[in-house]
Amino acid sequence: MNKLNFLTPGIPSSAKNYKDGLNVIKDMDLDGLEIEFVHGVRMNEDTQNFVKNFISLNNLTATCHGPFYINLNSQEQEKIDAGIKRILETAAVAKNIGAFSITFHAAFYMGQNPSDVYNTVYKSMEYICSELEKQQNHVWIRPETTGKGTQWGSLEEITELSKNFKYVLPCIDFAHLHARNNGEFNTYDEFSKIMEYIGCELGDYVFNNFHAHLAGIEYGLKGEKKHLNLQESDMNYTDLLKVLKKFDVKGALVCESPNIEADTKLLKDYYLSL
């Protein structure tokens, strides 16, 4: 990666399929997309080949989001196994299409001690990474910072996990951090502290292999409620982009606003104006 790339979350809203969607992305001078496997890893071989060839020929970037039905701390082993399977399936498609990295919501606390949940997630990640090594699949694996206090995935938890595996790094969802902490993490200084923290803990290479999410967000005392368009929220995206510019991050920023391509374009245009 030689720059910060601005990606849509899935196919742009003005398109109905990957062919149309990728052409919209190209025509709007956006940088790629995050393929959303929210209800299951479903992409046939022809579509995978088309996406792979299109992003390669047009110098675009792709990432993948694993299904929502993942809980590596489930009380039922078969559900943990199913979550692991979904992550591995997402990684397999990512490799096939030449994607940069994959992300997913890893677990719920289920009323347990956070340190015990960390150990449980760690065991699953150990298995996932060993399987991917056998497959020689070196796509980045990224647990995402989560938006509710019931979900495992604080910045500290995911950063600590990333220290222990060669191909694991955080996917920092800035909107989720903002909502999870009931309005914090929304100033220039707070964004800078996030970046300083991950740089100190993981090394500068985290800035050269960056994967983050951003959107407007509605939240309450329990955290995230729903995503909003950037300009209809209190999300301080302008200062965040200034911080990302200051740290010279390179990688992917996925705009998860409902106003898919318009807000992605808003972010890119502002960033390039800095």
Protein backbone atom coordinates (compact mmCIF):
# COMPACT_ATOMS: atom_id res chain seq x y z
CA MET A 1 0.00 0.00 0.00
CA ASN A 2 1.36 3.40 -0.96
CA LYS A 3 -1.59 5.58 0.09
CA LEU A 4 -4.82 5.69 2.06
CA ASN A 5 -7.58 4.15 -0.07
CA PHE A 6 -11.24 5.09 0.34
CA LEU A 7 -13.58 2.11 -0.01
CA THR A 8 -17.34 1.72 -0.19
CA PRO A 9 -18.98 -0.80 2.17
CA GLY A 10 -20.28 -3.23 -0.43
CA ILE A 11 -21.80 -2.37 -3.78
CA PRO A 12 -22.68 1.33 -4.17
CA SER A 13 -26.35 2.08 -3.61
CA SER A 14 -26.76 3.23 -7.22
CA ALA A 15 -25.75 -0.22 -8.51
CA LYS A 16 -27.30 -3.68 -8.43
CA ASN A 17 -24.32 -5.99 -8.96
CA TYR A 18 -20.55 -6.09 -8.75
CA LYS A 19 -20.03 -5.16 -12.40
CA ASP A 20 -22.14 -2.02 -12.15
CA GLY A 21 -20.86 -1.24 -8.67
CA LEU A 22 -17.19 -1.42 -9.59
CA ASN A 23 -17.82 0.81 -12.58
CA VAL A 24 -19.52 3.36 -10.30
CA ILE A 25 -16.50 3.23 -8.00
CA LYS A 26 -14.14 3.73 -10.93
CA ASP A 27 -16.21 6.57 -12.43
CA MET A 28 -16.33 8.38 -9.07
CA ASP A 29 -12.58 8.01 -8.63
CA LEU A 30 -13.00 5.99 -5.45
CA ASP A 31 -10.44 3.36 -4.53
CA GLY A 32 -12.32 0.09 -4.14
CA LEU A 33 -14.80 -1.70 -1.91
CA GLU A 34 -15.22 -3.90 1.12
CA ILE A 35 -17.13 -7.01 0.10
CA GLU A 36 -19.83 -7.60 2.69
CA PHE A 37 -20.51 -11.25 3.48
CA VAL A 38 -22.91 -10.28 6.25
CA HIS A 39 -25.35 -13.18 5.76
CA GLY A 40 -22.86 -15.79 4.59
CA VAL A 41 -19.82 -16.18 2.36
CA ARG A 42 -21.57 -16.38 -0.98
CA MET A 43 -19.72 -15.42 -4.15
CA ASN A 44 -19.53 -17.82 -7.07
CA GLU A 45 -16.34 -18.51 -8.99
CA ASP A 46 -17.30 -16.38 -11.99
CA THR A 47 -17.99 -13.36 -9.79
CA GLN A 48 -14.77 -13.90 -7.87
CA ASN A 49 -12.81 -13.96 -11.12
CA PHE A 50 -14.56 -10.82 -12.39
CA VAL A 51 -13.86 -8.90 -9.18
CA LYS A 52 -10.24 -10.08 -9.11
CA ASN A 53 -9.60 -9.02 -12.70
CA PHE A 54 -11.42 -5.68 -12.37
CA ILE A 55 -9.61 -4.54 -9.23
CA SER A 56 -6.27 -5.68 -10.65
CA LEU A 57 -6.72 -3.95 -14.02
CA ASN A 58 -7.99 -0.73 -12.43
CA ASN A 59 -5.56 -0.66 -9.50
CA LEU A 60 -8.37 -0.81 -6.94
CA THR A 61 -8.30 -2.16 -3.38
CA ALA A 62 -10.61 -4.76 -1.87
CA THR A 63 -11.26 -5.95 1.65
CA CYS A 64 -13.85 -8.41 2.97
CA HIS A 65 -16.20 -8.32 5.96
CA GLY A 66 -17.08 -11.67 7.47
CA PRO A 67 -20.64 -12.71 8.37
CA PHE A 68 -22.34 -11.21 11.41
CA TYR A 69 -23.12 -14.67 12.80
CA ILE A 70 -19.76 -15.11 14.52
CA ASN A 71 -19.25 -15.54 18.26
CA LEU A 72 -15.94 -17.10 19.20
CA ASN A 73 -17.09 -17.06 22.83
CA SER A 74 -20.31 -18.95 22.30
CA GLN A 75 -21.28 -21.40 25.04
CA GLU A 76 -21.87 -23.99 22.32
CA GLN A 77 -18.75 -25.39 20.65
CA GLU A 78 -20.57 -25.99 17.38
CA LYS A 79 -21.28 -22.26 17.13
CA ILE A 80 -17.62 -21.44 17.75
CA ASP A 81 -16.68 -23.96 15.07
CA ALA A 82 -19.20 -22.39 12.68
CA GLY A 83 -17.71 -18.94 13.35
CA ILE A 84 -14.20 -20.21 12.66
CA LYS A 85 -15.45 -21.79 9.43
CA ARG A 86 -16.99 -18.48 8.31
CA ILE A 87 -13.76 -16.61 9.01
CA LEU A 88 -11.73 -19.16 7.04
CA GLU A 89 -14.24 -19.03 4.17
CA THR A 90 -14.01 -15.23 4.11
CA ALA A 91 -10.22 -15.44 4.04
CA ALA A 92 -10.32 -17.95 1.19
CA VAL A 93 -12.41 -15.65 -1.01
CA ALA A 94 -10.20 -12.71 -0.03
CA LYS A 95 -7.14 -14.60 -1.24
CA ASN A 96 -8.87 -15.59 -4.48
CA ILE A 97 -9.82 -12.04 -5.41
CA GLY A 98 -6.59 -10.43 -4.21
CA ALA A 99 -8.14 -8.63 -1.24
CA PHE A 100 -5.96 -6.75 1.23
CA SER A 101 -7.53 -7.99 4.47
CA ILE A 102 -10.65 -9.33 6.15
CA THR A 103 -12.50 -8.11 9.21
CA PHE A 104 -15.23 -9.46 11.49
CA HIS A 105 -16.92 -8.98 14.86
CA ALA A 106 -15.22 -11.64 16.94
CA ALA A 107 -17.25 -12.35 20.08
CA PHE A 108 -19.65 -11.40 22.85
CA TYR A 109 -18.75 -11.36 26.54
CA MET A 110 -21.79 -13.47 27.48
CA GLY A 111 -21.56 -12.11 31.03
CA GLN A 112 -18.06 -13.54 31.51
CA ASN A 113 -14.85 -12.03 32.78
CA PRO A 114 -13.18 -10.14 29.89
CA SER A 115 -9.83 -11.87 30.51
CA ASP A 116 -11.49 -15.28 30.20
CA VAL A 117 -13.16 -14.21 26.96
CA TYR A 118 -9.81 -12.99 25.65
CA ASN A 119 -8.30 -16.43 26.30
CA THR A 120 -11.17 -18.13 24.51
CA VAL A 121 -10.87 -15.85 21.48
CA TYR A 122 -7.11 -16.35 21.51
CA LYS A 123 -7.52 -20.13 21.16
CA SER A 124 -9.76 -19.72 18.12
CA MET A 125 -7.37 -17.20 16.56
CA GLU A 126 -4.49 -19.60 17.11
CA TYR A 127 -6.35 -22.28 15.17
CA ILE A 128 -7.43 -19.85 12.40
CA CYS A 129 -3.89 -18.61 11.88
CA SER A 130 -2.46 -22.14 11.82
CA GLU A 131 -5.01 -23.19 9.19
CA LEU A 132 -4.29 -20.14 7.04
CA GLU A 133 -0.56 -20.83 7.31
CA LYS A 134 -1.15 -24.37 6.02
CA GLN A 135 -3.05 -22.83 3.08
CA GLN A 136 -0.28 -20.24 2.55
CA ASN A 137 -2.98 -17.59 2.84
CA HIS A 138 -1.36 -14.43 4.19
CA VAL A 139 -4.31 -12.07 4.04
CA TRP A 140 -4.53 -9.79 7.09
CA ILE A 141 -6.98 -11.07 9.72
CA ARG A 142 -8.63 -8.21 11.59
CA PRO A 143 -10.99 -8.43 14.55
CA GLU A 144 -12.95 -5.18 14.53
CA THR A 145 -13.37 -2.77 17.41
CA THR A 146 -17.00 -3.09 18.43
CA GLY A 147 -19.68 -0.56 19.29
CA LYS A 148 -21.42 -2.04 22.33
CA GLY A 149 -20.24 -2.91 25.81
CA THR A 150 -21.69 -6.42 25.45
CA GLN A 151 -19.34 -7.16 22.54
CA TRP A 152 -15.75 -8.28 22.97
CA GLY A 153 -13.54 -5.93 20.99
CA SER A 154 -12.20 -2.90 22.81
CA LEU A 155 -9.19 -1.17 21.28
CA GLU A 156 -6.97 -2.61 24.02
CA GLU A 157 -8.25 -6.18 23.61
CA ILE A 158 -7.77 -6.28 19.86
CA THR A 159 -4.38 -4.59 20.03
CA GLU A 160 -3.19 -7.11 22.62
CA LEU A 161 -4.42 -10.01 20.48
CA SER A 162 -2.61 -8.59 17.44
CA LYS A 163 0.74 -8.69 19.24
CA ASN A 164 0.65 -12.47 19.27
CA PHE A 165 0.02 -13.34 15.62
CA LYS A 166 2.00 -12.47 12.51
CA TYR A 167 -0.97 -11.72 10.25
CA VAL A 168 -3.42 -10.27 12.80
CA LEU A 169 -3.94 -6.51 13.12
CA PRO A 170 -6.88 -4.40 14.34
CA CYS A 171 -9.65 -3.10 12.16
CA ILE A 172 -10.29 0.19 13.92
CA ASP A 173 -13.91 1.25 13.60
CA PHE A 174 -13.77 4.85 14.76
CA ALA A 175 -17.56 5.15 14.90
CA HIS A 176 -17.75 2.07 17.10
CA LEU A 177 -15.11 3.43 19.48
CA HIS A 178 -17.05 6.70 19.65
CA ALA A 179 -20.33 4.89 20.43
CA ARG A 180 -18.85 2.24 22.76
CA ASN A 181 -17.42 5.02 24.92
CA ASN A 182 -20.61 7.12 24.84
CA GLY A 183 -19.28 10.07 22.87
CA GLU A 184 -15.57 9.95 23.58
CA PHE A 185 -12.92 9.43 20.88
CA ASN A 186 -14.16 12.30 18.75
CA THR A 187 -11.53 15.04 18.96
CA TYR A 188 -8.21 15.63 17.24
CA ASP A 189 -6.33 14.81 20.43
CA GLU A 190 -8.35 11.67 21.12
CA PHE A 191 -7.87 10.39 17.58
CA SER A 192 -4.15 11.12 17.91
CA LYS A 193 -4.00 9.11 21.14
CA ILE A 194 -5.58 6.12 19.38
CA MET A 195 -2.93 6.25 16.69
CA GLU A 196 -0.10 6.79 19.16
CA TYR A 197 -1.31 3.83 21.20
CA ILE A 198 -1.44 1.35 18.32
CA GLY A 199 1.87 2.63 16.96
CA CYS A 200 3.54 2.20 20.33
CA GLU A 201 2.05 -1.26 20.91
CA LEU A 202 2.31 -2.72 17.41
CA GLY A 203 4.99 -0.70 15.63
CA ASP A 204 4.86 1.71 12.73
CA TYR A 205 4.03 -1.07 10.27
CA VAL A 206 0.45 -0.85 11.56
CA PHE A 207 0.23 2.55 9.80
CA ASN A 208 1.48 1.06 6.53
CA ASN A 209 -1.06 -1.77 6.64
CA PHE A 210 -4.07 0.12 7.93
CA HIS A 211 -7.71 -0.99 7.81
CA ALA A 212 -10.39 1.14 9.42
CA HIS A 213 -14.12 1.88 9.31
CA LEU A 214 -15.88 5.20 9.66
CA ALA A 215 -19.51 6.34 9.60
CA GLY A 216 -21.89 8.60 11.34
CA ILE A 217 -23.40 6.82 14.31
CA GLU A 218 -26.30 7.07 16.73
CA TYR A 219 -25.52 5.82 20.23
CA GLY A 220 -26.74 5.79 23.81
CA LEU A 221 -25.61 4.59 27.21
CA LYS A 222 -25.35 1.02 25.89
CA GLY A 223 -23.34 2.05 22.85
CA GLU A 224 -24.11 1.77 19.16
CA LYS A 225 -27.69 2.02 17.91
CA LYS A 226 -27.35 2.51 14.15
CA HIS A 227 -25.15 4.04 11.48
CA LEU A 228 -25.96 7.51 10.16
CA ASN A 229 -24.79 9.63 7.26
CA LEU A 230 -21.69 11.57 8.26
CA GLN A 231 -23.23 15.03 8.04
CA GLU A 232 -26.30 13.91 10.02
CA SER A 233 -24.20 12.85 13.01
CA ASP A 234 -21.74 14.27 15.53
CA MET A 235 -18.87 12.21 14.09
CA ASN A 236 -15.88 14.54 13.78
CA TYR A 237 -14.61 13.07 10.53
CA THR A 238 -12.67 16.19 9.52
CA ASP A 239 -10.34 16.03 12.51
CA LEU A 240 -9.99 12.27 12.12
CA LEU A 241 -8.85 12.69 8.51
CA LYS A 242 -6.36 15.32 9.62
CA VAL A 243 -4.93 12.84 12.12
CA LEU A 244 -4.74 10.06 9.53
CA LYS A 245 -2.89 12.49 7.26
CA LYS A 246 -0.51 13.43 10.09
CA PHE A 247 0.34 9.78 10.71
CA ASP A 248 0.68 9.16 6.95
CA VAL A 249 -1.40 5.99 7.12
CA LYS A 250 -1.53 3.69 4.12
CA GLY A 251 -4.21 1.07 3.61
CA ALA A 252 -8.00 1.10 3.54
CA LEU A 253 -10.65 3.33 5.07
CA VAL A 254 -14.16 1.97 4.56
CA CYS A 255 -17.03 4.46 4.90
CA GLU A 256 -19.99 2.56 6.36
CA SER A 257 -22.53 5.37 6.13
CA PRO A 258 -25.94 4.48 4.65
CA ASN A 259 -25.20 7.08 1.96
CA ILE A 260 -22.59 4.70 0.60
CA GLU A 261 -20.74 6.22 -2.33
CA ALA A 262 -21.57 9.86 -1.57
CA ASP A 263 -20.03 9.78 1.91
CA THR A 264 -17.03 7.78 0.69
CA LYS A 265 -16.47 10.49 -1.91
CA LEU A 266 -16.93 13.17 0.75
CA LEU A 267 -14.16 11.62 2.83
CA LYS A 268 -11.75 11.19 -0.06
CA ASP A 269 -12.26 14.71 -1.39
CA TYR A 270 -11.73 16.24 2.03
CA TYR A 271 -8.65 14.15 2.69
CA LEU A 272 -7.09 15.13 -0.63
CA SER A 273 -7.79 18.81 0.15
CA LEU A 274 -5.64 18.69 3.30
